[in-house]
Amino acid sequence: MSIVTLVGNPREGSRTRTVAVAAAEAIAARIGTAGPHEVVDLSALGPQLLAPGASPGVEVALELVAESSVLVVAGPTYKGTYTGLLKSFLDRLPADALAGKAALPLLVMGDPKHALAVEVHLRPLLVELGATVPTPGLAVLEAQLPHLDEVLAAWADRVAPQVAAVLGERALS
């Protein structure tokens, strides 16, 4: 079983990446999956992702995502939704590429008025790709970053049993 973290922030070394990796670790600890876990950081792939033709880096990233058991999909909130960079990457996945996988949507945002973006915008995209998406997705306010461990613990305690159930169903099929 593998956990992959997909970071859709165009900035290298972003807070989004920090939060996403910590979220993946919180889930891994609760479902009994030892690390390290793969991280696909789209900040390094942006130019390749938008170039015509195939790119070895993008192809490897798509394969990692498609072969994951659990996928943490994270981005910052721009203009009330996830980034175009994240959408451009996910658009390269074929239909049902995430079937049988647990996908965990996560957005980092400055304003609480964007909190529904996780459920209204990112969740439907992951479901469209075939993923099972435990409830709730995670909306992390920048003001919560000093207390990130507590925020992640409460969220992971709530969704980890759902992730374990998805993984159990996958093992049975």
N, C-alpha and C. Protein backbone atom coordinates (compact mmCIF):
# COMPACT_ATOMS: atom_id res chain seq x y z
N MET A 1 0.85 -1.18 0.00
CA MET A 1 0.00 0.00 0.00
C MET A 1 0.89 1.24 0.00
N SER A 2 0.50 2.21 -0.81
CA SER A 2 1.32 3.42 -0.88
C SER A 2 0.45 4.66 -0.67
N ILE A 3 1.06 5.62 -0.01
CA ILE A 3 0.44 6.93 0.15
C ILE A 3 1.26 7.91 -0.67
N VAL A 4 0.58 8.66 -1.52
CA VAL A 4 1.23 9.67 -2.35
C VAL A 4 0.58 11.01 -2.04
N THR A 5 1.41 12.02 -1.91
CA THR A 5 0.94 13.39 -1.69
C THR A 5 1.15 14.18 -2.97
N LEU A 6 0.08 14.74 -3.50
CA LEU A 6 0.12 15.56 -4.71
C LEU A 6 -0.07 17.02 -4.31
N VAL A 7 0.94 17.83 -4.57
CA VAL A 7 0.92 19.24 -4.16
C VAL A 7 0.77 20.12 -5.39
N GLY A 8 -0.34 20.85 -5.47
CA GLY A 8 -0.64 21.68 -6.62
C GLY A 8 -0.36 23.16 -6.41
N ASN A 9 0.65 23.47 -5.62
CA ASN A 9 1.03 24.87 -5.42
C ASN A 9 2.16 25.19 -6.38
N PRO A 10 2.07 26.29 -7.13
CA PRO A 10 3.14 26.63 -8.07
C PRO A 10 4.43 27.12 -7.40
N ARG A 11 4.38 27.35 -6.09
CA ARG A 11 5.57 27.84 -5.38
C ARG A 11 6.33 26.68 -4.73
N GLU A 12 7.60 26.61 -5.00
CA GLU A 12 8.46 25.59 -4.41
C GLU A 12 8.57 25.82 -2.89
N GLY A 13 8.57 24.74 -2.12
CA GLY A 13 8.73 24.85 -0.67
C GLY A 13 7.56 25.54 0.01
N SER A 14 6.38 25.36 -0.50
CA SER A 14 5.19 26.08 -0.02
C SER A 14 4.67 25.55 1.32
N ARG A 15 3.87 26.37 1.95
CA ARG A 15 3.15 25.93 3.16
C ARG A 15 2.19 24.81 2.81
N THR A 16 1.65 24.86 1.60
CA THR A 16 0.74 23.80 1.16
C THR A 16 1.45 22.45 1.23
N ARG A 17 2.67 22.39 0.75
CA ARG A 17 3.44 21.14 0.79
C ARG A 17 3.64 20.69 2.23
N THR A 18 4.00 21.61 3.10
CA THR A 18 4.22 21.27 4.51
C THR A 18 2.96 20.68 5.13
N VAL A 19 1.83 21.33 4.89
CA VAL A 19 0.56 20.85 5.44
C VAL A 19 0.19 19.50 4.84
N ALA A 20 0.36 19.35 3.54
CA ALA A 20 -0.02 18.11 2.86
C ALA A 20 0.81 16.92 3.33
N VAL A 21 2.10 17.11 3.47
CA VAL A 21 2.96 16.03 3.94
C VAL A 21 2.59 15.66 5.38
N ALA A 22 2.34 16.65 6.21
CA ALA A 22 1.93 16.37 7.59
C ALA A 22 0.59 15.64 7.63
N ALA A 23 -0.33 16.00 6.74
CA ALA A 23 -1.63 15.32 6.68
C ALA A 23 -1.45 13.87 6.27
N ALA A 24 -0.61 13.62 5.28
CA ALA A 24 -0.34 12.24 4.85
C ALA A 24 0.27 11.43 5.99
N GLU A 25 1.17 12.04 6.73
CA GLU A 25 1.79 11.34 7.86
C GLU A 25 0.77 11.05 8.96
N ALA A 26 -0.15 11.97 9.19
CA ALA A 26 -1.20 11.75 10.21
C ALA A 26 -2.10 10.60 9.82
N ILE A 27 -2.47 10.53 8.54
CA ILE A 27 -3.30 9.42 8.07
C ILE A 27 -2.51 8.11 8.14
N ALA A 28 -1.28 8.13 7.69
CA ALA A 28 -0.44 6.92 7.69
C ALA A 28 -0.31 6.35 9.09
N ALA A 29 -0.11 7.21 10.07
CA ALA A 29 0.03 6.74 11.45
C ALA A 29 -1.24 6.06 11.94
N ARG A 30 -2.38 6.54 11.50
CA ARG A 30 -3.65 5.99 11.98
C ARG A 30 -4.07 4.72 11.25
N ILE A 31 -3.57 4.52 10.02
CA ILE A 31 -3.94 3.30 9.30
C ILE A 31 -2.80 2.28 9.30
N GLY A 32 -1.72 2.61 10.00
CA GLY A 32 -0.64 1.66 10.17
C GLY A 32 0.26 1.48 8.96
N THR A 33 0.50 2.55 8.24
CA THR A 33 1.36 2.50 7.06
C THR A 33 2.68 3.20 7.38
N ALA A 34 3.75 2.45 7.30
CA ALA A 34 5.06 3.03 7.56
C ALA A 34 5.51 3.87 6.36
N GLY A 35 6.22 4.95 6.64
CA GLY A 35 6.73 5.83 5.59
C GLY A 35 8.08 5.35 5.14
N PRO A 36 8.79 6.05 4.32
CA PRO A 36 8.44 7.35 3.74
C PRO A 36 7.42 7.22 2.62
N HIS A 37 6.78 8.32 2.34
CA HIS A 37 5.75 8.35 1.32
C HIS A 37 6.21 9.27 0.19
N GLU A 38 5.72 8.98 -1.00
CA GLU A 38 6.10 9.78 -2.17
C GLU A 38 5.38 11.13 -2.16
N VAL A 39 6.07 12.15 -2.66
CA VAL A 39 5.48 13.47 -2.83
C VAL A 39 5.67 13.88 -4.29
N VAL A 40 4.57 14.24 -4.94
CA VAL A 40 4.61 14.79 -6.29
C VAL A 40 4.34 16.28 -6.13
N ASP A 41 5.39 17.08 -6.30
CA ASP A 41 5.28 18.53 -6.13
C ASP A 41 5.24 19.16 -7.52
N LEU A 42 4.07 19.66 -7.89
CA LEU A 42 3.88 20.20 -9.24
C LEU A 42 4.65 21.49 -9.49
N SER A 43 5.17 22.13 -8.45
CA SER A 43 5.94 23.35 -8.67
C SER A 43 7.15 23.07 -9.55
N ALA A 44 7.69 21.86 -9.47
CA ALA A 44 8.85 21.49 -10.27
C ALA A 44 8.46 21.04 -11.68
N LEU A 45 7.19 20.74 -11.87
CA LEU A 45 6.75 20.20 -13.15
C LEU A 45 5.94 21.18 -14.00
N GLY A 46 5.68 22.36 -13.48
CA GLY A 46 4.82 23.32 -14.17
C GLY A 46 5.16 23.54 -15.64
N PRO A 47 6.39 23.92 -15.96
CA PRO A 47 6.73 24.15 -17.37
C PRO A 47 6.57 22.89 -18.23
N GLN A 48 6.93 21.73 -17.69
CA GLN A 48 6.81 20.47 -18.43
C GLN A 48 5.34 20.10 -18.62
N LEU A 49 4.54 20.40 -17.62
CA LEU A 49 3.13 20.04 -17.65
C LEU A 49 2.38 20.79 -18.74
N LEU A 50 2.79 22.01 -18.99
CA LEU A 50 2.10 22.84 -19.97
C LEU A 50 2.73 22.80 -21.36
N ALA A 51 3.86 22.09 -21.49
CA ALA A 51 4.53 21.99 -22.79
C ALA A 51 3.83 20.94 -23.64
N PRO A 52 3.87 21.12 -24.95
CA PRO A 52 3.28 20.08 -25.82
C PRO A 52 4.14 18.82 -25.77
N GLY A 53 3.49 17.70 -25.94
CA GLY A 53 4.22 16.44 -25.97
C GLY A 53 4.44 15.86 -24.59
N ALA A 54 4.95 14.65 -24.57
CA ALA A 54 5.18 13.92 -23.33
C ALA A 54 6.44 14.43 -22.64
N SER A 55 6.43 14.35 -21.32
CA SER A 55 7.58 14.73 -20.51
C SER A 55 7.85 13.58 -19.54
N PRO A 56 9.08 13.11 -19.46
CA PRO A 56 9.37 12.00 -18.54
C PRO A 56 8.99 12.31 -17.09
N GLY A 57 9.25 13.52 -16.63
CA GLY A 57 8.91 13.89 -15.26
C GLY A 57 7.42 13.84 -14.99
N VAL A 58 6.63 14.33 -15.93
CA VAL A 58 5.18 14.31 -15.79
C VAL A 58 4.67 12.88 -15.85
N GLU A 59 5.22 12.08 -16.74
CA GLU A 59 4.78 10.68 -16.86
C GLU A 59 5.05 9.90 -15.58
N VAL A 60 6.20 10.11 -14.96
CA VAL A 60 6.52 9.45 -13.69
C VAL A 60 5.54 9.90 -12.61
N ALA A 61 5.26 11.18 -12.58
CA ALA A 61 4.32 11.72 -11.58
C ALA A 61 2.92 11.14 -11.77
N LEU A 62 2.47 11.06 -13.01
CA LEU A 62 1.15 10.47 -13.29
C LEU A 62 1.10 9.01 -12.86
N GLU A 63 2.18 8.29 -13.09
CA GLU A 63 2.25 6.88 -12.71
C GLU A 63 2.21 6.72 -11.18
N LEU A 64 2.95 7.55 -10.47
CA LEU A 64 2.92 7.50 -9.01
C LEU A 64 1.52 7.72 -8.47
N VAL A 65 0.85 8.72 -9.02
CA VAL A 65 -0.52 9.03 -8.57
C VAL A 65 -1.46 7.88 -8.91
N ALA A 66 -1.37 7.37 -10.12
CA ALA A 66 -2.27 6.30 -10.55
C ALA A 66 -2.05 5.00 -9.78
N GLU A 67 -0.85 4.76 -9.30
CA GLU A 67 -0.55 3.53 -8.58
C GLU A 67 -0.70 3.65 -7.07
N SER A 68 -1.04 4.81 -6.59
CA SER A 68 -1.18 5.00 -5.14
C SER A 68 -2.41 4.26 -4.61
N SER A 69 -2.39 3.98 -3.32
CA SER A 69 -3.57 3.44 -2.64
C SER A 69 -4.35 4.57 -1.99
N VAL A 70 -3.59 5.52 -1.42
CA VAL A 70 -4.16 6.70 -0.78
C VAL A 70 -3.48 7.91 -1.41
N LEU A 71 -4.27 8.87 -1.82
CA LEU A 71 -3.75 10.06 -2.48
C LEU A 71 -4.23 11.30 -1.72
N VAL A 72 -3.28 12.05 -1.18
CA VAL A 72 -3.59 13.34 -0.56
C VAL A 72 -3.41 14.38 -1.66
N VAL A 73 -4.47 15.09 -1.99
CA VAL A 73 -4.44 16.07 -3.07
C VAL A 73 -4.58 17.45 -2.45
N ALA A 74 -3.50 18.24 -2.55
CA ALA A 74 -3.45 19.51 -1.83
C ALA A 74 -3.14 20.68 -2.75
N GLY A 75 -3.68 21.81 -2.39
CA GLY A 75 -3.38 23.04 -3.11
C GLY A 75 -3.73 24.25 -2.27
N PRO A 76 -3.23 25.39 -2.68
CA PRO A 76 -3.70 26.62 -2.07
C PRO A 76 -5.03 27.00 -2.70
N THR A 77 -5.75 27.87 -2.07
CA THR A 77 -7.00 28.35 -2.64
C THR A 77 -6.73 29.68 -3.34
N TYR A 78 -6.95 29.69 -4.65
CA TYR A 78 -6.82 30.90 -5.45
C TYR A 78 -8.17 31.23 -6.03
N LYS A 79 -8.62 32.43 -5.81
CA LYS A 79 -9.91 32.88 -6.37
C LYS A 79 -11.04 31.92 -6.04
N GLY A 80 -11.02 31.36 -4.83
CA GLY A 80 -12.11 30.52 -4.37
C GLY A 80 -12.06 29.07 -4.78
N THR A 81 -10.96 28.62 -5.41
CA THR A 81 -10.87 27.21 -5.82
C THR A 81 -9.40 26.78 -5.86
N TYR A 82 -9.15 25.57 -6.31
CA TYR A 82 -7.79 25.04 -6.44
C TYR A 82 -7.10 25.68 -7.64
N THR A 83 -5.80 25.42 -7.78
CA THR A 83 -5.01 26.07 -8.83
C THR A 83 -5.21 25.43 -10.21
N GLY A 84 -4.95 26.22 -11.23
CA GLY A 84 -4.96 25.71 -12.59
C GLY A 84 -3.86 24.67 -12.80
N LEU A 85 -2.75 24.81 -12.09
CA LEU A 85 -1.67 23.85 -12.17
C LEU A 85 -2.15 22.46 -11.74
N LEU A 86 -2.87 22.40 -10.62
CA LEU A 86 -3.40 21.13 -10.15
C LEU A 86 -4.41 20.56 -11.15
N LYS A 87 -5.28 21.41 -11.67
CA LYS A 87 -6.28 20.96 -12.65
C LYS A 87 -5.61 20.45 -13.92
N SER A 88 -4.57 21.15 -14.39
CA SER A 88 -3.86 20.72 -15.60
C SER A 88 -3.25 19.33 -15.42
N PHE A 89 -2.71 19.08 -14.24
CA PHE A 89 -2.13 17.75 -13.98
C PHE A 89 -3.22 16.69 -13.92
N LEU A 90 -4.26 16.94 -13.14
CA LEU A 90 -5.32 15.94 -12.99
C LEU A 90 -6.05 15.68 -14.30
N ASP A 91 -6.11 16.67 -15.17
CA ASP A 91 -6.73 16.48 -16.49
C ASP A 91 -5.96 15.48 -17.35
N ARG A 92 -4.72 15.23 -17.05
CA ARG A 92 -3.93 14.27 -17.82
C ARG A 92 -4.20 12.82 -17.42
N LEU A 93 -4.87 12.63 -16.30
CA LEU A 93 -5.21 11.27 -15.88
C LEU A 93 -6.38 10.75 -16.71
N PRO A 94 -6.34 9.48 -17.09
CA PRO A 94 -7.47 8.92 -17.84
C PRO A 94 -8.69 8.73 -16.95
N ALA A 95 -9.83 8.52 -17.56
CA ALA A 95 -11.06 8.26 -16.82
C ALA A 95 -10.84 7.10 -15.87
N ASP A 96 -11.40 7.22 -14.68
CA ASP A 96 -11.33 6.19 -13.64
C ASP A 96 -9.90 5.87 -13.19
N ALA A 97 -8.96 6.76 -13.41
CA ALA A 97 -7.57 6.54 -12.98
C ALA A 97 -7.46 6.39 -11.47
N LEU A 98 -8.40 6.96 -10.73
CA LEU A 98 -8.35 6.89 -9.28
C LEU A 98 -9.35 5.90 -8.70
N ALA A 99 -9.92 5.04 -9.54
CA ALA A 99 -10.88 4.03 -9.07
C ALA A 99 -10.20 3.11 -8.07
N GLY A 100 -10.90 2.85 -6.97
CA GLY A 100 -10.37 1.98 -5.93
C GLY A 100 -9.40 2.64 -4.99
N LYS A 101 -9.20 3.93 -5.15
CA LYS A 101 -8.28 4.67 -4.30
C LYS A 101 -9.04 5.60 -3.36
N ALA A 102 -8.44 5.84 -2.20
CA ALA A 102 -8.97 6.87 -1.30
C ALA A 102 -8.23 8.16 -1.62
N ALA A 103 -8.96 9.19 -1.97
CA ALA A 103 -8.36 10.49 -2.25
C ALA A 103 -8.83 11.48 -1.20
N LEU A 104 -7.88 12.20 -0.64
CA LEU A 104 -8.17 13.13 0.45
C LEU A 104 -7.89 14.56 0.00
N PRO A 105 -8.95 15.33 -0.26
CA PRO A 105 -8.76 16.71 -0.71
C PRO A 105 -8.40 17.64 0.44
N LEU A 106 -7.47 18.55 0.16
CA LEU A 106 -6.97 19.47 1.19
C LEU A 106 -6.65 20.80 0.50
N LEU A 107 -7.18 21.87 1.05
CA LEU A 107 -6.85 23.21 0.54
C LEU A 107 -6.39 24.09 1.69
N VAL A 108 -5.37 24.89 1.44
CA VAL A 108 -4.87 25.88 2.40
C VAL A 108 -5.38 27.23 1.92
N MET A 109 -5.91 28.00 2.86
CA MET A 109 -6.54 29.26 2.47
C MET A 109 -6.35 30.36 3.51
N GLY A 110 -6.46 31.58 3.07
CA GLY A 110 -6.31 32.72 3.96
C GLY A 110 -7.62 33.17 4.57
N ASP A 111 -8.73 32.89 3.91
CA ASP A 111 -10.01 33.41 4.34
C ASP A 111 -11.01 32.27 4.53
N PRO A 112 -11.70 32.24 5.66
CA PRO A 112 -12.65 31.15 5.91
C PRO A 112 -13.81 31.12 4.92
N LYS A 113 -14.05 32.20 4.20
CA LYS A 113 -15.16 32.18 3.24
C LYS A 113 -14.89 31.22 2.08
N HIS A 114 -13.64 30.74 1.95
CA HIS A 114 -13.30 29.79 0.90
C HIS A 114 -13.34 28.33 1.37
N ALA A 115 -13.76 28.10 2.61
CA ALA A 115 -13.69 26.76 3.20
C ALA A 115 -14.50 25.71 2.42
N LEU A 116 -15.57 26.12 1.80
CA LEU A 116 -16.37 25.15 1.05
C LEU A 116 -15.72 24.70 -0.26
N ALA A 117 -14.66 25.37 -0.68
CA ALA A 117 -14.01 25.02 -1.95
C ALA A 117 -13.53 23.57 -1.97
N VAL A 118 -13.14 23.05 -0.81
CA VAL A 118 -12.70 21.65 -0.74
C VAL A 118 -13.83 20.72 -1.17
N GLU A 119 -15.01 20.97 -0.63
CA GLU A 119 -16.15 20.08 -0.89
C GLU A 119 -16.85 20.39 -2.22
N VAL A 120 -16.91 21.65 -2.58
CA VAL A 120 -17.68 22.07 -3.75
C VAL A 120 -16.88 21.97 -5.06
N HIS A 121 -15.56 22.17 -4.99
CA HIS A 121 -14.76 22.18 -6.21
C HIS A 121 -13.81 21.00 -6.34
N LEU A 122 -13.01 20.72 -5.30
CA LEU A 122 -11.99 19.69 -5.42
C LEU A 122 -12.56 18.27 -5.29
N ARG A 123 -13.45 18.05 -4.35
CA ARG A 123 -14.05 16.72 -4.19
C ARG A 123 -14.69 16.21 -5.49
N PRO A 124 -15.54 17.00 -6.17
CA PRO A 124 -16.16 16.49 -7.40
C PRO A 124 -15.15 16.09 -8.48
N LEU A 125 -14.05 16.80 -8.57
CA LEU A 125 -13.02 16.44 -9.55
C LEU A 125 -12.43 15.07 -9.23
N LEU A 126 -12.15 14.81 -7.97
CA LEU A 126 -11.58 13.52 -7.56
C LEU A 126 -12.58 12.39 -7.76
N VAL A 127 -13.85 12.66 -7.46
CA VAL A 127 -14.90 11.66 -7.67
C VAL A 127 -15.03 11.37 -9.17
N GLU A 128 -14.96 12.39 -9.98
CA GLU A 128 -15.04 12.22 -11.44
C GLU A 128 -13.94 11.30 -11.96
N LEU A 129 -12.79 11.32 -11.30
CA LEU A 129 -11.67 10.46 -11.68
C LEU A 129 -11.78 9.06 -11.06
N GLY A 130 -12.89 8.81 -10.35
CA GLY A 130 -13.15 7.47 -9.82
C GLY A 130 -12.79 7.25 -8.38
N ALA A 131 -12.22 8.23 -7.71
CA ALA A 131 -11.77 8.06 -6.33
C ALA A 131 -12.95 7.96 -5.36
N THR A 132 -12.69 7.27 -4.26
CA THR A 132 -13.58 7.35 -3.10
C THR A 132 -13.01 8.46 -2.23
N VAL A 133 -13.84 9.41 -1.85
CA VAL A 133 -13.36 10.59 -1.14
C VAL A 133 -14.02 10.65 0.24
N PRO A 134 -13.28 10.24 1.29
CA PRO A 134 -13.83 10.30 2.64
C PRO A 134 -14.24 11.72 3.03
N THR A 135 -15.18 11.80 3.94
CA THR A 135 -15.70 13.08 4.40
C THR A 135 -15.20 13.36 5.80
N PRO A 136 -14.83 14.56 6.14
CA PRO A 136 -14.78 15.75 5.28
C PRO A 136 -13.41 15.93 4.65
N GLY A 137 -13.38 16.74 3.59
CA GLY A 137 -12.10 17.20 3.08
C GLY A 137 -11.52 18.16 4.11
N LEU A 138 -10.30 18.58 3.90
CA LEU A 138 -9.65 19.43 4.90
C LEU A 138 -9.40 20.83 4.34
N ALA A 139 -9.98 21.82 4.99
CA ALA A 139 -9.73 23.23 4.70
C ALA A 139 -8.91 23.78 5.85
N VAL A 140 -7.67 24.17 5.56
CA VAL A 140 -6.77 24.68 6.59
C VAL A 140 -6.59 26.18 6.39
N LEU A 141 -6.98 26.93 7.38
CA LEU A 141 -6.79 28.38 7.33
C LEU A 141 -5.35 28.71 7.72
N GLU A 142 -4.78 29.71 7.09
CA GLU A 142 -3.43 30.13 7.44
C GLU A 142 -3.33 30.45 8.93
N ALA A 143 -4.38 30.98 9.51
CA ALA A 143 -4.38 31.29 10.94
C ALA A 143 -4.28 30.03 11.81
N GLN A 144 -4.60 28.86 11.24
CA GLN A 144 -4.51 27.60 11.98
C GLN A 144 -3.13 26.96 11.91
N LEU A 145 -2.25 27.46 11.09
CA LEU A 145 -0.95 26.83 10.90
C LEU A 145 -0.14 26.69 12.19
N PRO A 146 -0.19 27.66 13.12
CA PRO A 146 0.54 27.45 14.37
C PRO A 146 0.01 26.27 15.20
N HIS A 147 -1.21 25.84 14.92
CA HIS A 147 -1.83 24.73 15.65
C HIS A 147 -2.10 23.55 14.71
N LEU A 148 -1.25 23.40 13.70
CA LEU A 148 -1.48 22.42 12.66
C LEU A 148 -1.61 21.00 13.20
N ASP A 149 -0.79 20.63 14.17
CA ASP A 149 -0.86 19.27 14.70
C ASP A 149 -2.24 18.94 15.24
N GLU A 150 -2.84 19.87 15.96
CA GLU A 150 -4.17 19.64 16.52
C GLU A 150 -5.24 19.58 15.42
N VAL A 151 -5.12 20.45 14.44
CA VAL A 151 -6.07 20.47 13.32
C VAL A 151 -6.00 19.14 12.56
N LEU A 152 -4.79 18.70 12.26
CA LEU A 152 -4.62 17.45 11.52
C LEU A 152 -5.05 16.24 12.33
N ALA A 153 -4.78 16.25 13.63
CA ALA A 153 -5.16 15.11 14.47
C ALA A 153 -6.68 14.93 14.47
N ALA A 154 -7.40 16.01 14.63
CA ALA A 154 -8.87 15.92 14.66
C ALA A 154 -9.41 15.43 13.32
N TRP A 155 -8.87 15.96 12.24
CA TRP A 155 -9.31 15.54 10.90
C TRP A 155 -8.94 14.08 10.64
N ALA A 156 -7.71 13.72 10.91
CA ALA A 156 -7.26 12.35 10.63
C ALA A 156 -8.02 11.33 11.46
N ASP A 157 -8.33 11.68 12.71
CA ASP A 157 -9.12 10.77 13.54
C ASP A 157 -10.49 10.51 12.91
N ARG A 158 -11.01 11.50 12.25
CA ARG A 158 -12.34 11.39 11.64
C ARG A 158 -12.33 10.62 10.32
N VAL A 159 -11.31 10.85 9.48
CA VAL A 159 -11.33 10.23 8.14
C VAL A 159 -10.55 8.92 8.05
N ALA A 160 -9.62 8.66 8.95
CA ALA A 160 -8.81 7.44 8.86
C ALA A 160 -9.66 6.17 8.84
N PRO A 161 -10.72 6.06 9.64
CA PRO A 161 -11.53 4.84 9.54
C PRO A 161 -12.17 4.67 8.16
N GLN A 162 -12.52 5.77 7.52
CA GLN A 162 -13.09 5.70 6.18
C GLN A 162 -12.03 5.26 5.17
N VAL A 163 -10.80 5.76 5.33
CA VAL A 163 -9.70 5.36 4.45
C VAL A 163 -9.44 3.86 4.63
N ALA A 164 -9.39 3.41 5.86
CA ALA A 164 -9.16 1.99 6.14
C ALA A 164 -10.24 1.13 5.50
N ALA A 165 -11.48 1.60 5.52
CA ALA A 165 -12.58 0.85 4.91
C ALA A 165 -12.40 0.75 3.40
N VAL A 166 -11.99 1.84 2.76
CA VAL A 166 -11.74 1.82 1.31
C VAL A 166 -10.62 0.84 1.00
N LEU A 167 -9.56 0.86 1.78
CA LEU A 167 -8.44 -0.05 1.55
C LEU A 167 -8.84 -1.49 1.77
N GLY A 168 -9.71 -1.72 2.75
CA GLY A 168 -10.21 -3.07 3.00
C GLY A 168 -11.05 -3.57 1.85
N GLU A 169 -11.90 -2.72 1.30
CA GLU A 169 -12.71 -3.10 0.14
C GLU A 169 -11.83 -3.41 -1.06
N ARG A 170 -10.77 -2.63 -1.21
CA ARG A 170 -9.86 -2.84 -2.34
C ARG A 170 -9.16 -4.18 -2.20
N ALA A 171 -8.79 -4.55 -0.97
CA ALA A 171 -8.10 -5.82 -0.74
C ALA A 171 -9.02 -7.01 -1.03
N LEU A 172 -10.31 -6.83 -0.82
CA LEU A 172 -11.27 -7.91 -1.05
C LEU A 172 -11.59 -8.12 -2.52
N SER A 173 -11.37 -7.08 -3.33
CA SER A 173 -11.74 -7.20 -4.76
C SER A 173 -10.63 -7.75 -5.60
